[in-house]
Amino acid sequence: MNRFILCSLIAASFTLASAAHADLYGYVDSAGQVHLAPKKLDERYQLFQKSPPAELAVRKYDALADATRPGLGSTLSRDTAAARTPLAGLPAAQPRLVKASVSAPYNKMINKVAREMKLDAQLLHSIVSVESGYDAQALSPKGAIGLMQVIPETGERFGIANLNQPDANIRAGARYLKFLLGLFNHDLPLVIAAYNAGEGAVQKYKNTIPPYPETRNYVSRVLATYEARSGKSPLQAAVSHIDYSRGKRVNAVLEPL
């Protein structure tokens, strides 16, 4: 995210939250506007930032310095990779962190595709981790193939046939993911749910995560893996995608209590 915008959002958050040491919730609407509030006003609001820990309440808390350190999500939330707060209605999940020796053969390949398609490489890695554990020969009972567990119909839909080849498999999954990100306005929980259950299932339930146990567990695990790898929450990922170029102004709506 643009550092100035990030600092502005965090400064705005403390305008709301500093007096009461409250948590901060928010969401990004379809127009790219950021909405922030010191409590969860409805189901759209996700936890963006936790209040400073109790041990820091007795001294001045340097929010801006904290916000601009690497690993924003982990720094602000004080969470660890093993303890993630799930989104409302989703089960808690542990991240699937694969050994470096297992993922190494595919790291450059995944990162290259991410760069070419302007995707978040950590999101691609998180999906590969959960889908196949970096097993290029993985085959599901439903016929999903390879690293990103792409079904042949999806590969054909996005112009790729040889899903047994790792590079082709990654490209097919990445093309589908790119399509879903555009369709659901970079709302990661919905995008991940659609990757698992299909965009039709998400649309059937009025752009919410379908009530399928498999899909809900999948979304939780991919999000936990993504947060552990990137240090970003779903909201922070959505905010980081906003186009700050060409001097555009980003509006943040601060909701009253």
Protein backbone atom coordinates (compact mmCIF):
# COMPACT_ATOMS: atom_id res chain seq x y z
CA MET A 1 0.00 0.00 0.00
CA ASN A 2 1.11 3.58 -0.61
CA ARG A 3 2.87 4.56 2.63
CA PHE A 4 1.24 7.99 2.90
CA ILE A 5 -2.24 6.51 2.47
CA LEU A 6 -1.46 3.75 4.95
CA CYS A 7 -0.28 6.25 7.53
CA SER A 8 -3.37 8.40 6.89
CA LEU A 9 -5.66 5.45 7.51
CA ILE A 10 -3.89 4.51 10.71
CA ALA A 11 -3.89 8.13 11.91
CA ALA A 12 -7.61 8.31 11.15
CA SER A 13 -8.13 5.09 13.05
CA PHE A 14 -6.57 6.52 16.16
CA THR A 15 -8.79 9.58 15.91
CA LEU A 16 -11.61 7.09 16.48
CA ALA A 17 -9.98 4.62 18.76
CA SER A 18 -7.28 6.21 20.90
CA ALA A 19 -9.47 7.53 23.69
CA ALA A 20 -11.23 4.24 24.36
CA HIS A 21 -8.38 1.97 23.20
CA ALA A 22 -10.93 0.40 20.84
CA ASP A 23 -10.36 -2.01 18.00
CA LEU A 24 -10.89 -0.75 14.46
CA TYR A 25 -13.19 -2.38 11.90
CA GLY A 26 -13.70 -1.53 8.26
CA TYR A 27 -14.46 -2.56 4.71
CA VAL A 28 -13.89 -1.32 1.15
CA ASP A 29 -17.08 -0.71 -0.84
CA SER A 30 -17.64 -1.28 -4.57
CA ALA A 31 -16.45 2.27 -5.35
CA GLY A 32 -13.16 1.70 -3.55
CA GLN A 33 -14.11 3.85 -0.56
CA VAL A 34 -12.77 2.78 2.82
CA HIS A 35 -15.25 2.68 5.73
CA LEU A 36 -13.82 2.60 9.26
CA ALA A 37 -15.55 2.26 12.63
CA PRO A 38 -14.50 1.47 16.21
CA LYS A 39 -16.90 -1.48 16.35
CA LYS A 40 -18.42 -4.04 13.98
CA LEU A 41 -21.49 -2.19 12.66
CA ASP A 42 -22.67 -5.01 10.38
CA GLU A 43 -21.42 -8.12 8.60
CA ARG A 44 -19.40 -6.10 6.06
CA TYR A 45 -16.99 -4.84 8.71
CA GLN A 46 -13.85 -6.89 9.33
CA LEU A 47 -11.22 -6.41 12.01
CA PHE A 48 -8.60 -4.09 10.51
CA GLN A 49 -6.56 -3.18 13.59
CA LYS A 50 -6.56 -4.19 17.22
CA SER A 51 -6.10 -1.60 19.94
CA PRO A 52 -2.65 -1.29 21.54
CA PRO A 53 -1.96 -4.03 24.08
CA ALA A 54 -2.78 -3.24 27.69
CA GLU A 55 0.88 -3.04 28.62
CA LEU A 56 1.31 -0.19 26.14
CA ALA A 57 -1.69 1.80 27.34
CA VAL A 58 0.36 3.42 30.08
CA ARG A 59 2.78 5.01 27.64
CA LYS A 60 2.45 6.85 24.35
CA TYR A 61 1.86 4.42 21.48
CA ASP A 62 3.60 5.39 18.24
CA ALA A 63 0.93 4.22 15.79
CA LEU A 64 2.57 5.53 12.64
CA ALA A 65 5.93 3.98 13.36
CA ASP A 66 4.20 0.69 14.10
CA ALA A 67 2.08 0.87 10.97
CA THR A 68 4.98 1.33 8.59
CA ARG A 69 7.06 -1.60 9.79
CA PRO A 70 7.22 -4.69 7.56
CA GLY A 71 4.44 -7.19 8.25
CA LEU A 72 1.66 -4.70 8.97
CA GLY A 73 -1.00 -7.25 9.83
CA SER A 74 1.10 -9.17 12.30
CA THR A 75 2.48 -5.99 13.87
CA LEU A 76 -0.83 -4.27 14.43
CA SER A 77 -2.83 -7.31 15.50
CA ARG A 78 -0.13 -8.81 17.73
CA ASP A 79 -1.27 -12.17 16.39
CA THR A 80 0.95 -15.14 15.70
CA ALA A 81 0.71 -17.43 12.72
CA ALA A 82 -0.81 -20.13 14.90
CA ALA A 83 -3.65 -18.02 16.30
CA ARG A 84 -5.85 -16.23 13.79
CA THR A 85 -9.22 -14.68 14.54
CA PRO A 86 -11.67 -16.10 11.96
CA LEU A 87 -14.18 -13.96 10.10
CA ALA A 88 -17.70 -14.01 11.50
CA GLY A 89 -19.38 -17.35 10.84
CA LEU A 90 -16.19 -19.12 9.77
CA PRO A 91 -14.40 -21.82 11.76
CA ALA A 92 -10.97 -21.16 13.22
CA ALA A 93 -8.15 -22.61 11.14
CA GLN A 94 -4.43 -23.16 11.27
CA PRO A 95 -2.29 -21.96 8.35
CA ARG A 96 -0.80 -24.61 6.11
CA LEU A 97 2.86 -23.70 5.95
CA VAL A 98 4.77 -26.06 3.68
CA LYS A 99 8.47 -26.78 4.14
CA ALA A 100 10.72 -24.58 2.01
CA SER A 101 12.34 -27.63 0.45
CA VAL A 102 8.94 -28.78 -0.83
CA SER A 103 7.86 -25.44 -2.30
CA ALA A 104 11.30 -24.47 -3.67
CA PRO A 105 10.92 -26.09 -7.13
CA TYR A 106 7.84 -23.94 -7.84
CA ASN A 107 8.60 -20.63 -6.11
CA LYS A 108 10.11 -18.88 -9.13
CA MET A 109 7.38 -20.23 -11.39
CA ILE A 110 4.57 -18.98 -9.13
CA ASN A 111 6.23 -15.61 -8.55
CA LYS A 112 6.76 -15.12 -12.30
CA VAL A 113 3.11 -15.81 -13.10
CA ALA A 114 2.05 -13.47 -10.28
CA ARG A 115 4.21 -10.66 -11.70
CA GLU A 116 2.98 -11.19 -15.25
CA MET A 117 -0.66 -11.20 -14.21
CA LYS A 118 -0.29 -8.53 -11.51
CA LEU A 119 -1.50 -10.85 -8.78
CA ASP A 120 -0.47 -11.12 -5.15
CA ALA A 121 2.16 -13.87 -5.15
CA GLN A 122 1.41 -14.70 -1.52
CA LEU A 123 -2.23 -15.33 -2.40
CA LEU A 124 -1.18 -17.74 -5.15
CA HIS A 125 1.22 -19.49 -2.77
CA SER A 126 -1.50 -19.73 -0.11
CA ILE A 127 -3.94 -21.38 -2.51
CA VAL A 128 -1.27 -23.80 -3.75
CA SER A 129 -0.35 -24.62 -0.13
CA VAL A 130 -3.92 -25.50 0.82
CA GLU A 131 -4.97 -27.07 -2.48
CA SER A 132 -2.07 -29.43 -3.08
CA GLY A 133 0.74 -28.79 -0.61
CA TYR A 134 2.94 -28.10 -3.70
CA ASP A 135 2.30 -31.59 -5.07
CA ALA A 136 2.27 -31.15 -8.86
CA GLN A 137 0.87 -34.68 -9.29
CA ALA A 138 -2.09 -34.18 -6.94
CA LEU A 139 -5.42 -35.45 -8.26
CA SER A 140 -8.66 -35.07 -6.31
CA PRO A 141 -11.59 -37.53 -6.37
CA LYS A 142 -13.54 -34.83 -8.25
CA GLY A 143 -10.90 -34.66 -10.99
CA ALA A 144 -9.08 -31.48 -9.93
CA ILE A 145 -5.50 -31.56 -11.15
CA GLY A 146 -2.09 -30.37 -10.01
CA LEU A 147 -0.70 -27.56 -7.90
CA MET A 148 -3.79 -25.35 -8.01
CA GLN A 149 -6.26 -28.24 -8.32
CA VAL A 150 -7.81 -26.98 -11.55
CA ILE A 151 -10.62 -29.02 -13.10
CA PRO A 152 -10.35 -29.60 -16.87
CA GLU A 153 -13.49 -27.55 -17.57
CA THR A 154 -11.94 -24.52 -15.86
CA GLY A 155 -8.67 -24.98 -17.73
CA GLU A 156 -10.56 -25.13 -21.02
CA ARG A 157 -12.60 -22.08 -20.03
CA PHE A 158 -9.39 -20.07 -19.61
CA GLY A 159 -7.59 -21.47 -22.63
CA ILE A 160 -5.26 -24.01 -20.99
CA ALA A 161 -5.44 -27.74 -21.65
CA ASN A 162 -2.29 -29.43 -20.30
CA LEU A 163 -2.99 -29.11 -16.59
CA ASN A 164 -0.46 -31.81 -15.69
CA GLN A 165 2.35 -29.37 -16.48
CA PRO A 166 3.09 -27.20 -13.41
CA ASP A 167 3.49 -23.96 -15.35
CA ALA A 168 0.26 -24.47 -17.28
CA ASN A 169 -1.57 -25.47 -14.12
CA ILE A 170 -0.44 -22.34 -12.27
CA ARG A 171 -1.44 -20.14 -15.20
CA ALA A 172 -4.89 -21.71 -15.41
CA GLY A 173 -5.48 -21.25 -11.68
CA ALA A 174 -4.08 -17.72 -11.80
CA ARG A 175 -6.35 -16.76 -14.71
CA TYR A 176 -9.37 -18.03 -12.83
CA LEU A 177 -8.24 -16.22 -9.68
CA LYS A 178 -7.76 -12.99 -11.65
CA PHE A 179 -11.29 -13.34 -13.02
CA LEU A 180 -12.72 -13.90 -9.53
CA LEU A 181 -10.85 -10.91 -8.06
CA GLY A 182 -12.45 -8.68 -10.66
CA LEU A 183 -15.88 -10.25 -10.26
CA PHE A 184 -15.93 -9.87 -6.47
CA ASN A 185 -14.07 -6.56 -6.20
CA HIS A 186 -11.03 -8.10 -4.49
CA ASP A 187 -13.11 -9.32 -1.54
CA LEU A 188 -10.74 -12.14 -0.57
CA PRO A 189 -13.17 -14.30 1.44
CA LEU A 190 -15.62 -14.31 -1.49
CA VAL A 191 -12.86 -14.84 -4.06
CA ILE A 192 -11.47 -17.79 -2.12
CA ALA A 193 -14.95 -19.25 -1.59
CA ALA A 194 -15.61 -18.97 -5.33
CA TYR A 195 -12.29 -20.65 -6.15
CA ASN A 196 -13.46 -23.62 -4.09
CA ALA A 197 -17.19 -23.76 -4.82
CA GLY A 198 -17.48 -21.78 -8.06
CA GLU A 199 -18.60 -18.21 -8.58
CA GLY A 200 -22.16 -19.40 -9.18
CA ALA A 201 -22.41 -20.72 -5.63
CA VAL A 202 -21.27 -17.39 -4.16
CA GLN A 203 -23.72 -15.50 -6.37
CA LYS A 204 -26.52 -17.92 -5.47
CA TYR A 205 -26.11 -16.91 -1.82
CA LYS A 206 -26.18 -13.21 -2.71
CA ASN A 207 -22.42 -12.67 -2.64
CA THR A 208 -21.80 -14.34 0.69
CA ILE A 209 -19.73 -17.41 1.55
CA PRO A 210 -21.92 -20.45 0.79
CA PRO A 211 -22.97 -22.49 3.83
CA TYR A 212 -20.98 -25.54 2.74
CA PRO A 213 -18.72 -26.88 5.53
CA GLU A 214 -15.98 -27.75 3.02
CA THR A 215 -16.00 -24.26 1.53
CA ARG A 216 -16.09 -22.49 4.90
CA ASN A 217 -13.20 -24.58 6.19
CA TYR A 218 -11.30 -23.94 2.95
CA VAL A 219 -11.79 -20.16 3.15
CA SER A 220 -10.62 -20.12 6.76
CA ARG A 221 -7.51 -22.14 6.02
CA VAL A 222 -6.50 -20.15 2.93
CA LEU A 223 -7.01 -16.86 4.79
CA ALA A 224 -5.01 -18.13 7.77
CA THR A 225 -2.21 -19.21 5.42
CA TYR A 226 -2.33 -15.90 3.56
CA GLU A 227 -2.15 -13.87 6.77
CA ALA A 228 0.74 -15.99 8.04
CA ARG A 229 2.67 -15.57 4.79
CA SER A 230 1.89 -11.92 4.01
CA GLY A 231 1.06 -10.32 7.37
CA LYS A 232 -2.08 -8.83 5.77
CA SER A 233 -5.72 -9.30 6.70
CA PRO A 234 -8.39 -9.57 3.96
CA LEU A 235 -9.32 -5.91 4.50
CA GLN A 236 -5.71 -4.76 4.25
CA ALA A 237 -5.33 -6.77 1.03
CA ALA A 238 -8.42 -5.06 -0.43
CA VAL A 239 -7.20 -1.61 0.63
CA SER A 240 -3.75 -2.28 -0.83
CA HIS A 241 -5.32 -2.96 -4.22
CA ILE A 242 -6.91 0.51 -4.52
CA ASP A 243 -5.35 2.55 -7.33
CA TYR A 244 -3.50 5.46 -5.70
CA SER A 245 -1.79 6.55 -8.94
CA ARG A 246 -2.22 9.79 -10.86
CA GLY A 247 -2.89 11.79 -7.71
CA LYS A 248 -6.24 10.19 -7.00
CA ARG A 249 -7.73 10.95 -3.60
CA VAL A 250 -8.84 8.05 -1.45
CA ASN A 251 -11.79 8.73 0.82
CA ALA A 252 -12.03 7.09 4.21
CA VAL A 253 -15.45 7.32 5.88
CA LEU A 254 -15.19 7.36 9.68
CA GLU A 255 -18.43 5.97 11.06
CA PRO A 256 -19.66 7.35 14.42
CA LEU A 257 -20.55 5.08 17.32
